[in-house]
């Protein structure tokens, strides 16, 4: 007699999880496939954090180079801690992994993990909003993988992938608290507050997400939940304020500031003045990036789901509020000089999930005719956006933003060769606008004209004190070598550059260029050799990176290296 086959609970549970696992893996693989188009490129700014991670783990403290003054020249503490962990484990800044430099492999591996974790958070959100969350997770993963801005900056060596994950995790905690009717429990309020701390330690503008959970609670407040609402808001804000307040006190005790030195150097301020309000015009760049038609269809889909008072709309508030805060932060921040909308990473993550969730809702709850019309509109919008996004990707592959290796060679290894020719000591100063890669390879002291790692320059830049900046440079720093481009001119009314320095380039000094201090040049022959070395070296470096902009520059970046590695 045959008996019916039975399925064990564990087996059936595994089967239920397979679609979710498959959706997360598929989305992650698509993101990685897109990232592979950008080769071994790492942005130079990431190397600033690399240098701090190296020096802290080697016992030199929070300095850009051994012997430099402690300055918080990074603004991504949580990301730096992950880099330090990798260095302690021998996975970062030690050599190569499978023939690829670990300063490329390790940050990109972290990005893969963060992108996968973001998709897991997508599924956690979708699970309380739709019947088939794996479909939403896969759709949002595909959409996210198609956005060059998200992929470029997630795999840039910077903290973007971690930041997007933490912000998405805040949304996941909030949405699930609404769906499971736990919005006024202590646990989600505390977790949301602590995740906001992680966001603030990943990027300075992450502080805005301390208000995400409280805003949702207030928006969903009723007369019967007034007291519970007040308690929940207070608990969430306290969960953020206490640990982050302790961090701020430590920061001030250690560095003498309540904000990072990078924020001071970039004059990032908080407040709704006229300049800040005007800066919200940058939000239009988001629309231009994906295309007006695509943005319009997305807004129509979202609007269609918000038009009716439903449990779906109520739960969606947990996602819409952090999305709105992400857009607000993007608008408030000063314009970024880097390409591909670096500060928009969490917007792409939350926005992709929101659009796919709402599209699923519209299609699932509509008549057949409406589904066909909506489907055709979505396909048309995606087709037009895909063309724009493909062009963005192609453009970046050809002209990636300031590769780490370009600076490691041009402002690090080449400067070492110039310093060797002049027999400079390691205490002499090279002053220039680029910092990251040079901090890993230069044997002389690096001071950046932007003031990211020099508190005095940061303050002078912020205050607009051009004369005082010139005095500091020429009287206090007295750099042996200077490179000052058009964007980083030193306004010197006393012409000290002309009196105390030789110009090294075959161009007009008014257009910017390189200088050497006269007292360090022993003869005209040495000056001629220095000019030839500088010119031929820069030509060699820039020709190489024009031909291979996505390449790396050796297994190990170490002080004292020259262009021959």
Protein backbone atom coordinates (compact mmCIF):
# COMPACT_ATOMS: atom_id res chain seq x y z
CA UNK A 1 0.00 0.00 0.00
CA UNK A 2 1.42 3.30 -1.06
CA UNK A 3 1.39 6.18 1.42
CA UNK A 4 1.27 9.86 0.44
CA UNK A 5 4.65 11.56 0.31
CA UNK A 6 5.20 14.06 3.06
CA UNK A 7 7.36 17.15 3.08
CA UNK A 8 9.31 18.00 6.19
CA UNK A 9 8.72 21.48 7.68
CA UNK A 10 12.40 22.36 7.23
CA UNK A 11 12.32 21.31 3.59
CA UNK A 12 9.18 23.30 2.86
CA UNK A 13 10.66 26.29 4.70
CA UNK A 14 13.75 26.07 2.53
CA UNK A 15 11.61 25.88 -0.58
CA UNK A 16 9.79 29.04 0.44
CA UNK A 17 13.10 30.84 0.85
CA UNK A 18 14.55 29.80 -2.50
CA UNK A 19 12.76 32.50 -4.56
CA UNK A 20 13.98 35.18 -2.14
CA UNK A 21 17.53 33.84 -2.18
CA UNK A 22 17.45 33.61 -5.96
CA UNK A 23 16.15 37.16 -6.32
CA UNK A 24 18.87 38.55 -4.04
CA UNK A 25 21.62 36.57 -5.78
CA UNK A 26 20.39 37.50 -9.26
CA UNK A 27 20.19 41.19 -8.40
CA UNK A 28 23.63 41.12 -6.80
CA UNK A 29 25.16 39.37 -9.81
CA UNK A 30 23.64 41.95 -12.15
CA UNK A 31 25.06 44.78 -10.05
CA UNK A 32 28.48 43.08 -10.07
CA UNK A 33 28.30 42.55 -13.84
CA UNK A 34 27.67 46.27 -14.28
CA UNK A 35 30.49 47.11 -11.85
CA UNK A 36 32.90 44.96 -13.88
CA UNK A 37 32.59 47.51 -16.71
CA UNK A 38 34.60 49.95 -14.59
CA UNK A 39 37.53 47.60 -14.10
CA UNK A 40 39.95 48.36 -11.27
CA UNK A 41 38.97 52.01 -11.00
CA UNK A 42 38.95 53.44 -7.47
CA UNK A 43 38.34 57.14 -6.83
CA UNK A 44 41.28 59.07 -5.39
CA UNK A 45 39.23 60.42 -2.47
CA UNK A 46 38.81 56.85 -1.22
CA UNK A 47 42.57 56.63 -0.72
CA UNK A 48 42.35 59.33 1.94
CA UNK A 49 40.42 56.90 4.11
CA UNK A 50 42.78 54.12 3.02
CA UNK A 51 45.71 56.17 4.35
CA UNK A 52 44.00 56.81 7.69
CA UNK A 53 43.16 53.11 8.04
CA UNK A 54 46.81 52.26 7.38
CA UNK A 55 48.24 54.77 9.83
CA UNK A 56 45.81 53.98 12.64
CA UNK A 57 46.41 50.24 12.37
CA UNK A 58 50.18 50.85 12.33
CA UNK A 59 49.95 52.87 15.54
CA UNK A 60 50.52 56.37 14.15
CA UNK A 61 47.04 57.61 15.08
CA UNK A 62 44.40 59.41 13.01
CA UNK A 63 46.86 61.11 10.66
CA UNK A 64 47.18 61.30 6.90
CA UNK A 65 50.89 60.46 7.12
CA UNK A 66 53.14 59.31 9.98
CA UNK A 67 54.25 62.35 11.96
CA UNK A 68 51.46 64.63 10.74
CA UNK A 69 49.12 66.38 13.17
CA UNK A 70 45.90 64.49 14.03
CA UNK A 71 43.16 65.85 11.78
CA UNK A 72 39.83 64.19 10.96
CA UNK A 73 40.38 64.29 7.23
CA UNK A 74 37.80 61.57 6.63
CA UNK A 75 34.04 61.74 7.05
CA UNK A 76 33.18 58.03 6.90
CA UNK A 77 34.17 56.56 10.26
CA UNK A 78 32.16 53.35 9.92
CA UNK A 79 33.65 52.63 6.48
CA UNK A 80 37.14 53.31 7.80
CA UNK A 81 36.54 50.80 10.60
CA UNK A 82 35.73 48.15 7.98
CA UNK A 83 38.95 49.01 6.13
CA UNK A 84 40.90 48.76 9.38
CA UNK A 85 39.35 45.36 10.03
CA UNK A 86 40.44 44.21 6.58
CA UNK A 87 43.97 45.42 7.22
CA UNK A 88 44.14 43.61 10.57
CA UNK A 89 42.95 40.44 8.82
CA UNK A 90 45.57 40.80 6.08
CA UNK A 91 42.96 41.37 3.37
CA UNK A 92 43.67 45.03 2.67
CA UNK A 93 46.76 47.15 1.98
CA UNK A 94 49.12 44.17 2.06
CA UNK A 95 49.54 43.07 -1.55
CA UNK A 96 47.38 41.26 -4.07
CA UNK A 97 44.56 38.75 -4.00
CA UNK A 98 44.44 36.40 -6.99
CA UNK A 99 46.62 38.80 -8.93
CA UNK A 100 44.54 41.91 -8.21
CA UNK A 101 45.70 44.59 -5.73
CA UNK A 102 43.87 44.19 -2.43
CA UNK A 103 43.27 47.95 -2.24
CA UNK A 104 40.99 47.26 -5.23
CA UNK A 105 39.60 43.85 -4.22
CA UNK A 106 38.73 44.45 -0.58
CA UNK A 107 36.66 47.67 -0.89
CA UNK A 108 34.84 46.21 -3.89
CA UNK A 109 34.15 42.99 -1.98
CA UNK A 110 32.66 45.09 0.82
CA UNK A 111 30.52 46.80 -1.81
CA UNK A 112 29.25 43.43 -3.07
CA UNK A 113 28.25 42.44 0.46
CA UNK A 114 26.55 45.79 1.09
CA UNK A 115 24.64 45.59 -2.21
CA UNK A 116 23.48 42.07 -1.38
CA UNK A 117 22.44 43.22 2.11
CA UNK A 118 20.49 46.08 0.51
CA UNK A 119 18.56 43.58 -1.60
CA UNK A 120 17.88 41.49 1.50
CA UNK A 121 16.42 44.63 3.08
CA UNK A 122 14.35 45.10 -0.09
CA UNK A 123 12.83 41.66 0.42
CA UNK A 124 12.17 42.36 4.10
CA UNK A 125 10.22 45.46 3.09
CA UNK A 126 8.37 43.84 0.21
CA UNK A 127 7.35 40.88 2.38
CA UNK A 128 4.91 43.04 4.38
CA UNK A 129 3.58 44.89 1.33
CA UNK A 130 2.96 42.34 -1.45
CA UNK A 131 2.17 38.64 -1.82
CA UNK A 132 5.23 37.76 -3.91
CA UNK A 133 8.10 39.80 -2.46
CA UNK A 134 10.72 37.97 -4.51
CA UNK A 135 9.31 39.49 -7.69
CA UNK A 136 9.66 43.00 -6.24
CA UNK A 137 13.15 42.22 -4.95
CA UNK A 138 14.26 40.96 -8.35
CA UNK A 139 12.64 43.85 -10.21
CA UNK A 140 14.18 46.45 -7.89
CA UNK A 141 17.56 44.70 -8.13
CA UNK A 142 17.42 44.80 -11.94
CA UNK A 143 16.45 48.47 -11.89
CA UNK A 144 19.19 49.32 -9.41
CA UNK A 145 21.79 47.40 -11.43
CA UNK A 146 20.93 49.53 -14.48
CA UNK A 147 21.75 52.86 -12.79
CA UNK A 148 25.42 53.81 -13.39
CA UNK A 149 25.38 56.39 -10.58
CA UNK A 150 24.53 53.73 -8.01
CA UNK A 151 26.99 51.15 -9.34
CA UNK A 152 29.87 53.57 -9.99
CA UNK A 153 29.85 55.04 -6.51
CA UNK A 154 29.05 51.81 -4.71
CA UNK A 155 32.24 50.33 -6.19
CA UNK A 156 34.36 53.47 -6.01
CA UNK A 157 36.20 52.54 -2.82
CA UNK A 158 34.06 55.05 -0.90
CA UNK A 159 31.32 54.38 1.63
CA UNK A 160 28.32 54.71 -0.70
CA UNK A 161 27.29 51.05 -0.72
CA UNK A 162 27.35 50.89 3.08
CA UNK A 163 25.43 54.14 3.33
CA UNK A 164 22.70 52.93 0.97
CA UNK A 165 22.36 49.69 2.94
CA UNK A 166 22.06 51.41 6.32
CA UNK A 167 19.42 53.83 5.03
CA UNK A 168 17.49 50.95 3.45
CA UNK A 169 17.73 49.05 6.73
CA UNK A 170 16.10 52.00 8.52
CA UNK A 171 13.25 51.81 6.02
CA UNK A 172 12.98 48.04 6.54
CA UNK A 173 12.73 48.37 10.31
CA UNK A 174 10.06 51.06 9.97
CA UNK A 175 7.94 49.33 7.33
CA UNK A 176 7.96 46.04 9.21
CA UNK A 177 7.08 47.79 12.46
CA UNK A 178 4.03 49.29 10.74
CA UNK A 179 3.02 46.03 9.10
CA UNK A 180 3.44 44.00 12.28
CA UNK A 181 1.73 46.66 14.41
CA UNK A 182 4.86 47.23 16.50
CA UNK A 183 5.35 50.88 15.65
CA UNK A 184 5.08 51.93 19.29
CA UNK A 185 7.26 49.19 20.73
CA UNK A 186 10.68 50.05 22.10
CA UNK A 187 12.61 47.61 19.89
CA UNK A 188 11.99 49.19 16.45
CA UNK A 189 12.41 52.69 17.87
CA UNK A 190 15.78 51.80 19.38
CA UNK A 191 16.99 49.89 16.32
CA UNK A 192 16.00 52.75 14.01
CA UNK A 193 17.86 55.22 16.24
CA UNK A 194 21.00 53.08 16.29
CA UNK A 195 20.89 52.61 12.53
CA UNK A 196 20.66 56.39 12.21
CA UNK A 197 23.88 56.58 14.25
CA UNK A 198 25.49 54.20 11.75
CA UNK A 199 24.25 56.40 8.89
CA UNK A 200 25.68 59.54 10.54
CA UNK A 201 29.03 57.80 11.05
CA UNK A 202 29.05 56.73 7.41
CA UNK A 203 28.30 60.15 5.93
CA UNK A 204 27.82 63.50 7.70
CA UNK A 205 24.42 64.05 6.05
CA UNK A 206 23.33 60.71 7.51
CA UNK A 207 22.29 62.60 10.64
CA UNK A 208 19.07 63.49 8.86
CA UNK A 209 17.85 59.90 9.21
CA UNK A 210 17.59 60.31 12.97
CA UNK A 211 14.23 61.88 12.13
CA UNK A 212 13.03 59.15 9.77
CA UNK A 213 11.35 56.83 12.28
CA UNK A 214 9.96 59.69 14.42
CA UNK A 215 8.42 61.39 11.36
CA UNK A 216 6.68 58.17 10.33
CA UNK A 217 5.33 57.65 13.84
CA UNK A 218 4.00 61.21 13.93
CA UNK A 219 2.41 60.92 10.48
CA UNK A 220 0.54 57.79 11.52
CA UNK A 221 -0.49 59.12 14.91
CA UNK A 222 -4.13 58.97 16.01
CA UNK A 223 -5.86 60.32 19.09
CA UNK A 224 -5.71 56.92 20.73
CA UNK A 225 -1.96 56.57 20.15
CA UNK A 226 -0.90 60.07 21.21
CA UNK A 227 0.89 58.98 24.38
CA UNK A 228 2.50 55.95 22.74
CA UNK A 229 3.62 58.17 19.86
CA UNK A 230 5.37 60.63 22.17
CA UNK A 231 7.18 57.80 23.95
CA UNK A 232 8.19 56.10 20.70
CA UNK A 233 9.55 59.33 19.21
CA UNK A 234 11.47 60.13 22.39
CA UNK A 235 12.98 56.64 22.56
CA UNK A 236 14.08 56.72 18.93
CA UNK A 237 15.63 60.18 19.20
CA UNK A 238 17.38 59.27 22.45
CA UNK A 239 18.73 56.08 20.87
CA UNK A 240 20.38 58.30 18.29
CA UNK A 241 21.34 61.28 20.42
CA UNK A 242 23.09 59.46 23.27
CA UNK A 243 25.65 57.41 21.28
CA UNK A 244 26.11 60.04 18.59
CA UNK A 245 26.44 62.78 21.21
CA UNK A 246 29.17 60.72 22.87
CA UNK A 247 30.92 60.44 19.51
CA UNK A 248 30.74 64.21 19.02
CA UNK A 249 32.27 64.80 22.44
CA UNK A 250 35.08 62.38 21.58
CA UNK A 251 35.57 64.10 18.23
CA UNK A 252 35.89 67.51 19.86
CA UNK A 253 38.28 66.19 22.50
CA UNK A 254 40.42 64.49 19.85
CA UNK A 255 40.32 66.99 16.97
CA UNK A 256 38.94 70.23 18.44
CA UNK A 257 35.83 70.26 16.22
CA UNK A 258 32.24 69.06 16.45
CA UNK A 259 32.24 68.45 12.68
CA UNK A 260 34.80 66.61 10.58
CA UNK A 261 37.59 68.69 9.08
CA UNK A 262 36.33 67.78 5.61
CA UNK A 263 32.97 69.42 6.35
CA UNK A 264 34.76 72.58 7.47
CA UNK A 265 36.96 72.58 4.36
CA UNK A 266 33.96 72.14 2.06
CA UNK A 267 31.92 74.74 3.98
CA UNK A 268 29.02 72.32 4.44
CA UNK A 269 26.53 74.10 6.69
CA UNK A 270 23.14 73.28 8.17
CA UNK A 271 20.28 75.74 7.77
CA UNK A 272 17.66 76.98 5.33
CA UNK A 273 19.28 80.16 4.08
CA UNK A 274 18.80 81.48 0.56
CA UNK A 275 21.81 79.61 -0.79
CA UNK A 276 20.55 76.35 0.65
CA UNK A 277 17.10 76.87 -0.84
CA UNK A 278 18.66 77.57 -4.23
CA UNK A 279 20.71 74.41 -3.93
CA UNK A 280 17.50 72.38 -4.06
CA UNK A 281 17.57 73.08 -7.79
CA UNK A 282 20.07 70.20 -7.94
CA UNK A 283 17.15 67.81 -7.49
CA UNK A 284 16.36 68.48 -11.13
CA UNK A 285 19.63 66.70 -11.95
CA UNK A 286 18.07 63.46 -10.70
CA UNK A 287 15.23 63.83 -13.22
CA UNK A 288 17.65 64.66 -16.01
CA UNK A 289 19.78 61.65 -15.18
CA UNK A 290 17.01 59.06 -15.63
CA UNK A 291 15.01 61.08 -18.17
CA UNK A 292 11.92 63.22 -17.78
CA UNK A 293 9.59 60.54 -19.16
CA UNK A 294 10.89 57.88 -16.82
CA UNK A 295 10.64 60.21 -13.84
CA UNK A 296 7.10 61.23 -14.80
CA UNK A 297 5.90 57.63 -15.16
CA UNK A 298 7.49 56.76 -11.82
CA UNK A 299 5.70 59.67 -10.10
CA UNK A 300 2.39 58.69 -11.69
CA UNK A 301 2.74 55.11 -10.50
CA UNK A 302 3.58 56.21 -6.96
CA UNK A 303 0.75 58.73 -7.00
CA UNK A 304 -1.72 56.07 -8.11
CA UNK A 305 -0.92 53.96 -5.05
CA UNK A 306 -1.19 56.92 -2.69
CA UNK A 307 -4.58 58.00 -3.96
CA UNK A 308 -6.49 55.48 -1.86
CA UNK A 309 -6.44 55.02 1.90
CA UNK A 310 -5.21 51.42 2.15
CA UNK A 311 -2.95 49.37 4.45
CA UNK A 312 -0.44 49.40 1.59
CA UNK A 313 -0.26 53.20 1.64
CA UNK A 314 0.08 53.22 5.41
CA UNK A 315 2.98 50.78 5.32
CA UNK A 316 4.60 52.50 2.36
CA UNK A 317 5.09 55.61 4.53
CA UNK A 318 7.97 53.79 6.19
CA UNK A 319 9.74 53.78 2.83
CA UNK A 320 8.62 57.14 1.47
CA UNK A 321 9.83 59.16 4.46
CA UNK A 322 13.50 58.02 4.28
CA UNK A 323 13.31 58.47 0.50
CA UNK A 324 12.12 62.05 0.98
CA UNK A 325 14.87 62.67 3.53
CA UNK A 326 17.46 61.29 1.09
CA UNK A 327 16.26 63.71 -1.56
CA UNK A 328 16.29 66.58 0.96
CA UNK A 329 19.87 65.76 1.97
CA UNK A 330 20.90 65.69 -1.69
CA UNK A 331 19.36 69.12 -2.16
CA UNK A 332 20.90 70.64 0.98
CA UNK A 333 24.47 69.50 0.36
CA UNK A 334 26.79 71.78 -1.56
CA UNK A 335 27.19 70.79 -5.21
CA UNK A 336 29.72 68.01 -5.73
CA UNK A 337 32.41 68.42 -8.38
CA UNK A 338 32.53 64.69 -9.08
CA UNK A 339 30.59 63.14 -11.92
CA UNK A 340 27.66 60.71 -11.66
CA UNK A 341 25.73 62.25 -8.73
CA UNK A 342 27.82 60.86 -5.89
CA UNK A 343 25.41 61.91 -3.13
CA UNK A 344 22.37 60.25 -4.72
CA UNK A 345 23.21 56.62 -3.88
CA UNK A 346 20.49 56.08 -1.21
CA UNK A 347 17.96 57.82 -3.46
CA UNK A 348 18.55 55.24 -6.20
CA UNK A 349 18.18 52.37 -3.72
CA UNK A 350 15.00 53.58 -2.02
CA UNK A 351 13.59 55.01 -5.24
CA UNK A 352 14.04 51.78 -7.20
CA UNK A 353 12.25 49.77 -4.53
CA UNK A 354 9.44 52.32 -4.22
CA UNK A 355 8.79 52.41 -7.97
CA UNK A 356 8.79 48.62 -8.34
CA UNK A 357 6.55 48.14 -5.29
CA UNK A 358 4.03 50.66 -6.56
CA UNK A 359 4.14 49.26 -10.09
CA UNK A 360 3.47 45.79 -8.70
CA UNK A 361 0.57 47.15 -6.67
CA UNK A 362 -0.96 49.00 -9.63
CA UNK A 363 -0.64 46.04 -11.98
CA UNK A 364 -1.92 43.52 -9.41
CA UNK A 365 -5.01 45.52 -8.49
CA UNK A 366 -6.06 46.80 -11.92
CA UNK A 367 -8.29 45.47 -14.68
CA UNK A 368 -6.68 43.76 -17.66
CA UNK A 369 -6.98 46.80 -19.91
CA UNK A 370 -5.41 49.06 -17.32
CA UNK A 371 -2.60 46.56 -16.83
CA UNK A 372 -1.83 46.57 -20.54
CA UNK A 373 -1.78 50.37 -20.74
CA UNK A 374 0.39 50.67 -17.62
CA UNK A 375 2.70 47.92 -18.81
CA UNK A 376 3.23 49.60 -22.18
CA UNK A 377 3.89 52.97 -20.50
CA UNK A 378 6.43 51.38 -18.16
CA UNK A 379 8.19 49.60 -21.03
CA UNK A 380 8.36 52.83 -23.05
CA UNK A 381 9.74 54.78 -20.08
CA UNK A 382 12.31 52.09 -19.32
CA UNK A 383 13.45 52.03 -22.95
CA UNK A 384 14.07 55.78 -23.03
CA UNK A 385 15.78 55.78 -19.63
CA UNK A 386 17.94 52.81 -20.65
CA UNK A 387 19.41 54.81 -23.52
CA UNK A 388 20.36 57.68 -21.22
CA UNK A 389 21.82 55.36 -18.60
CA UNK A 390 23.82 53.43 -21.18
CA UNK A 391 25.34 56.69 -22.41
CA UNK A 392 26.25 57.64 -18.84
CA UNK A 393 27.99 54.30 -18.35
CA UNK A 394 29.91 54.56 -21.62
CA UNK A 395 31.00 58.09 -20.80
CA UNK A 396 32.31 57.09 -17.39
CA UNK A 397 34.23 54.11 -18.75
CA UNK A 398 36.10 56.46 -21.08
CA UNK A 399 36.61 59.29 -18.57
CA UNK A 400 36.38 58.02 -14.98
CA UNK A 401 36.62 60.59 -12.22
CA UNK A 402 40.19 61.07 -10.86
CA UNK A 403 41.51 57.51 -10.47
CA UNK A 404 43.44 56.78 -7.28
CA UNK A 405 46.39 55.52 -9.32
CA UNK A 406 46.59 58.69 -11.39
CA UNK A 407 47.21 60.70 -8.21
CA UNK A 408 49.45 58.02 -6.68
CA UNK A 409 51.68 58.37 -9.74
CA UNK A 410 51.45 62.08 -10.59
CA UNK A 411 51.47 63.54 -7.06
CA UNK A 412 53.22 60.69 -5.26
CA UNK A 413 55.74 58.65 -7.21
CA UNK A 414 56.71 61.49 -9.56
CA UNK A 415 57.10 63.88 -6.64
CA UNK A 416 59.37 61.30 -4.98
CA UNK A 417 61.60 61.34 -8.05
CA UNK A 418 61.70 65.12 -7.96
CA UNK A 419 62.46 65.06 -4.23
CA UNK A 420 65.27 62.56 -4.82
CA UNK A 421 66.79 64.76 -7.51
CA UNK A 422 66.74 67.70 -5.09
CA UNK A 423 67.93 65.52 -2.18
CA UNK A 424 64.98 66.68 -0.07
CA UNK A 425 64.41 65.37 3.43
CA UNK A 426 61.15 63.60 4.26
CA UNK A 427 60.05 66.65 6.28
CA UNK A 428 59.86 68.94 3.25
CA UNK A 429 56.36 69.79 2.04
CA UNK A 430 54.63 69.16 -1.26
CA UNK A 431 51.52 71.35 -1.60
CA UNK A 432 48.91 70.36 -4.14
CA UNK A 433 45.19 69.87 -4.73
CA UNK A 434 45.20 66.04 -4.86
CA UNK A 435 45.77 63.95 -1.79
CA UNK A 436 44.56 60.33 -1.67
CA UNK A 437 46.95 58.25 -3.74
CA UNK A 438 49.84 60.58 -2.97
CA UNK A 439 49.33 60.06 0.78
CA UNK A 440 49.95 56.35 0.20
CA UNK A 441 53.07 56.76 -1.97
CA UNK A 442 54.80 60.06 -1.15
CA UNK A 443 57.86 60.09 1.08
CA UNK A 444 57.66 63.87 1.65
CA UNK A 445 54.96 65.58 3.67
CA UNK A 446 51.76 66.08 1.67
CA UNK A 447 49.57 69.13 2.34
CA UNK A 448 46.41 69.51 0.28
CA UNK A 449 45.30 72.90 -0.96
CA UNK A 450 41.67 71.96 -0.29
CA UNK A 451 42.42 71.69 3.42
CA UNK A 452 40.80 68.28 3.85
CA UNK A 453 43.59 67.15 6.16
CA UNK A 454 44.95 70.53 7.22
CA UNK A 455 42.78 72.30 9.79
CA UNK A 456 44.39 75.70 9.22
CA UNK A 457 43.77 75.66 5.45
CA UNK A 458 40.22 74.36 6.04
CA UNK A 459 39.43 77.33 8.29
CA UNK A 460 40.99 79.84 5.93
CA UNK A 461 39.13 78.39 2.95
CA UNK A 462 35.86 78.43 4.86
CA UNK A 463 36.35 82.04 5.94
CA UNK A 464 37.50 83.22 2.52
CA UNK A 465 40.75 84.60 3.99
CA UNK A 466 42.87 84.56 0.83
CA UNK A 467 45.61 86.85 2.17
CA UNK A 468 45.95 84.82 5.37
CA UNK A 469 46.07 81.64 3.30
CA UNK A 470 48.95 83.02 1.24
CA UNK A 471 50.78 83.99 4.46
CA UNK A 472 50.28 80.51 5.87
CA UNK A 473 51.54 78.86 2.70
CA UNK A 474 54.59 81.03 2.05
CA UNK A 475 55.60 81.97 5.59
CA UNK A 476 54.63 78.94 7.68
CA UNK A 477 54.52 75.90 5.41
CA UNK A 478 57.21 77.09 2.97
CA UNK A 479 56.59 74.09 0.66
CA UNK A 480 59.50 72.76 -1.32
CA UNK A 481 57.21 71.90 -4.24
CA UNK A 482 53.86 73.39 -5.20
CA UNK A 483 51.29 72.39 -7.76
CA UNK A 484 48.42 74.87 -8.01
CA UNK A 485 45.91 74.51 -10.83
CA UNK A 486 43.41 77.10 -11.96
CA UNK A 487 40.81 75.86 -9.48
CA UNK A 488 43.28 76.09 -6.61
CA UNK A 489 45.16 79.31 -7.20
CA UNK A 490 46.76 80.99 -4.21
CA UNK A 491 45.92 84.70 -4.28
CA UNK A 492 49.37 86.14 -3.57
CA UNK A 493 49.34 89.94 -3.75
CA UNK A 494 53.06 90.13 -2.81
CA UNK A 495 54.13 87.85 -5.69
CA UNK A 496 56.01 85.55 -3.32
CA UNK A 497 55.65 82.65 -5.75
CA UNK A 498 57.58 84.62 -8.36
CA UNK A 499 60.23 85.87 -5.89
CA UNK A 500 60.87 82.67 -3.95
CA UNK A 501 60.06 79.92 -6.48
CA UNK A 502 61.02 78.76 -9.96
CA UNK A 503 58.15 77.91 -12.30
CA UNK A 504 58.61 74.43 -13.78
CA UNK A 505 56.12 74.29 -16.64
CA UNK A 506 56.18 75.47 -20.24
CA UNK A 507 52.92 77.34 -19.81
CA UNK A 508 51.69 80.68 -18.51
CA UNK A 509 51.91 80.75 -14.68
CA UNK A 510 48.52 82.47 -14.65
CA UNK A 511 47.04 79.17 -15.81
CA UNK A 512 48.52 77.33 -12.85
CA UNK A 513 51.35 74.85 -12.68
CA UNK A 514 54.26 73.55 -10.58
CA UNK A 515 56.92 75.41 -8.61
CA UNK A 516 60.10 74.61 -6.71
CA UNK A 517 61.58 76.74 -3.92
CA UNK A 518 64.68 78.52 -5.19
CA UNK A 519 66.93 77.84 -2.21
CA UNK A 520 66.62 74.10 -2.82
CA UNK A 521 68.02 74.24 -6.37
CA UNK A 522 71.80 74.01 -6.32
CA UNK A 523 72.47 74.99 -9.95
CA UNK A 524 70.82 75.87 -13.27
CA UNK A 525 71.64 72.35 -14.48
CA UNK A 526 69.63 70.84 -11.63
CA UNK A 527 66.72 73.15 -12.43
CA UNK A 528 66.80 72.07 -16.07
CA UNK A 529 66.87 68.40 -15.09
CA UNK A 530 63.97 68.97 -12.69
CA UNK A 531 61.89 70.63 -15.41
CA UNK A 532 62.56 67.80 -17.83
CA UNK A 533 61.77 65.18 -15.17
CA UNK A 534 58.55 66.88 -14.21
CA UNK A 535 57.37 67.28 -17.80
CA UNK A 536 58.34 63.82 -19.04
CA UNK A 537 56.99 62.22 -15.87
CA UNK A 538 53.59 63.90 -16.12
CA UNK A 539 53.39 63.08 -19.82
CA UNK A 540 54.15 59.44 -19.03
CA UNK A 541 51.54 59.27 -16.29
CA UNK A 542 48.73 61.04 -18.13
CA UNK A 543 49.36 59.21 -21.39
CA UNK A 544 49.11 55.92 -19.52
CA UNK A 545 45.82 56.78 -17.84
CA UNK A 546 44.38 58.25 -21.02
CA UNK A 547 45.04 54.86 -22.63
CA UNK A 548 44.05 52.73 -19.62
CA UNK A 549 41.87 54.84 -17.28
CA UNK A 550 40.44 51.82 -15.44
CA UNK A 551 43.76 50.15 -14.61
CA UNK A 552 45.55 49.80 -11.28
CA UNK A 553 49.14 50.77 -10.42
CA UNK A 554 50.88 47.89 -8.73
CA UNK A 555 50.12 45.43 -5.97
CA UNK A 556 51.28 47.68 -3.15
CA UNK A 557 51.22 51.45 -2.66
CA UNK A 558 54.05 52.47 -0.32
CA UNK A 559 55.94 55.68 0.55
CA UNK A 560 59.11 56.28 -1.44
CA UNK A 561 58.06 54.52 -4.64
CA UNK A 562 58.95 56.08 -7.99
CA UNK A 563 57.29 55.79 -11.39
CA UNK A 564 59.15 52.58 -12.18
CA UNK A 565 57.27 51.18 -9.12
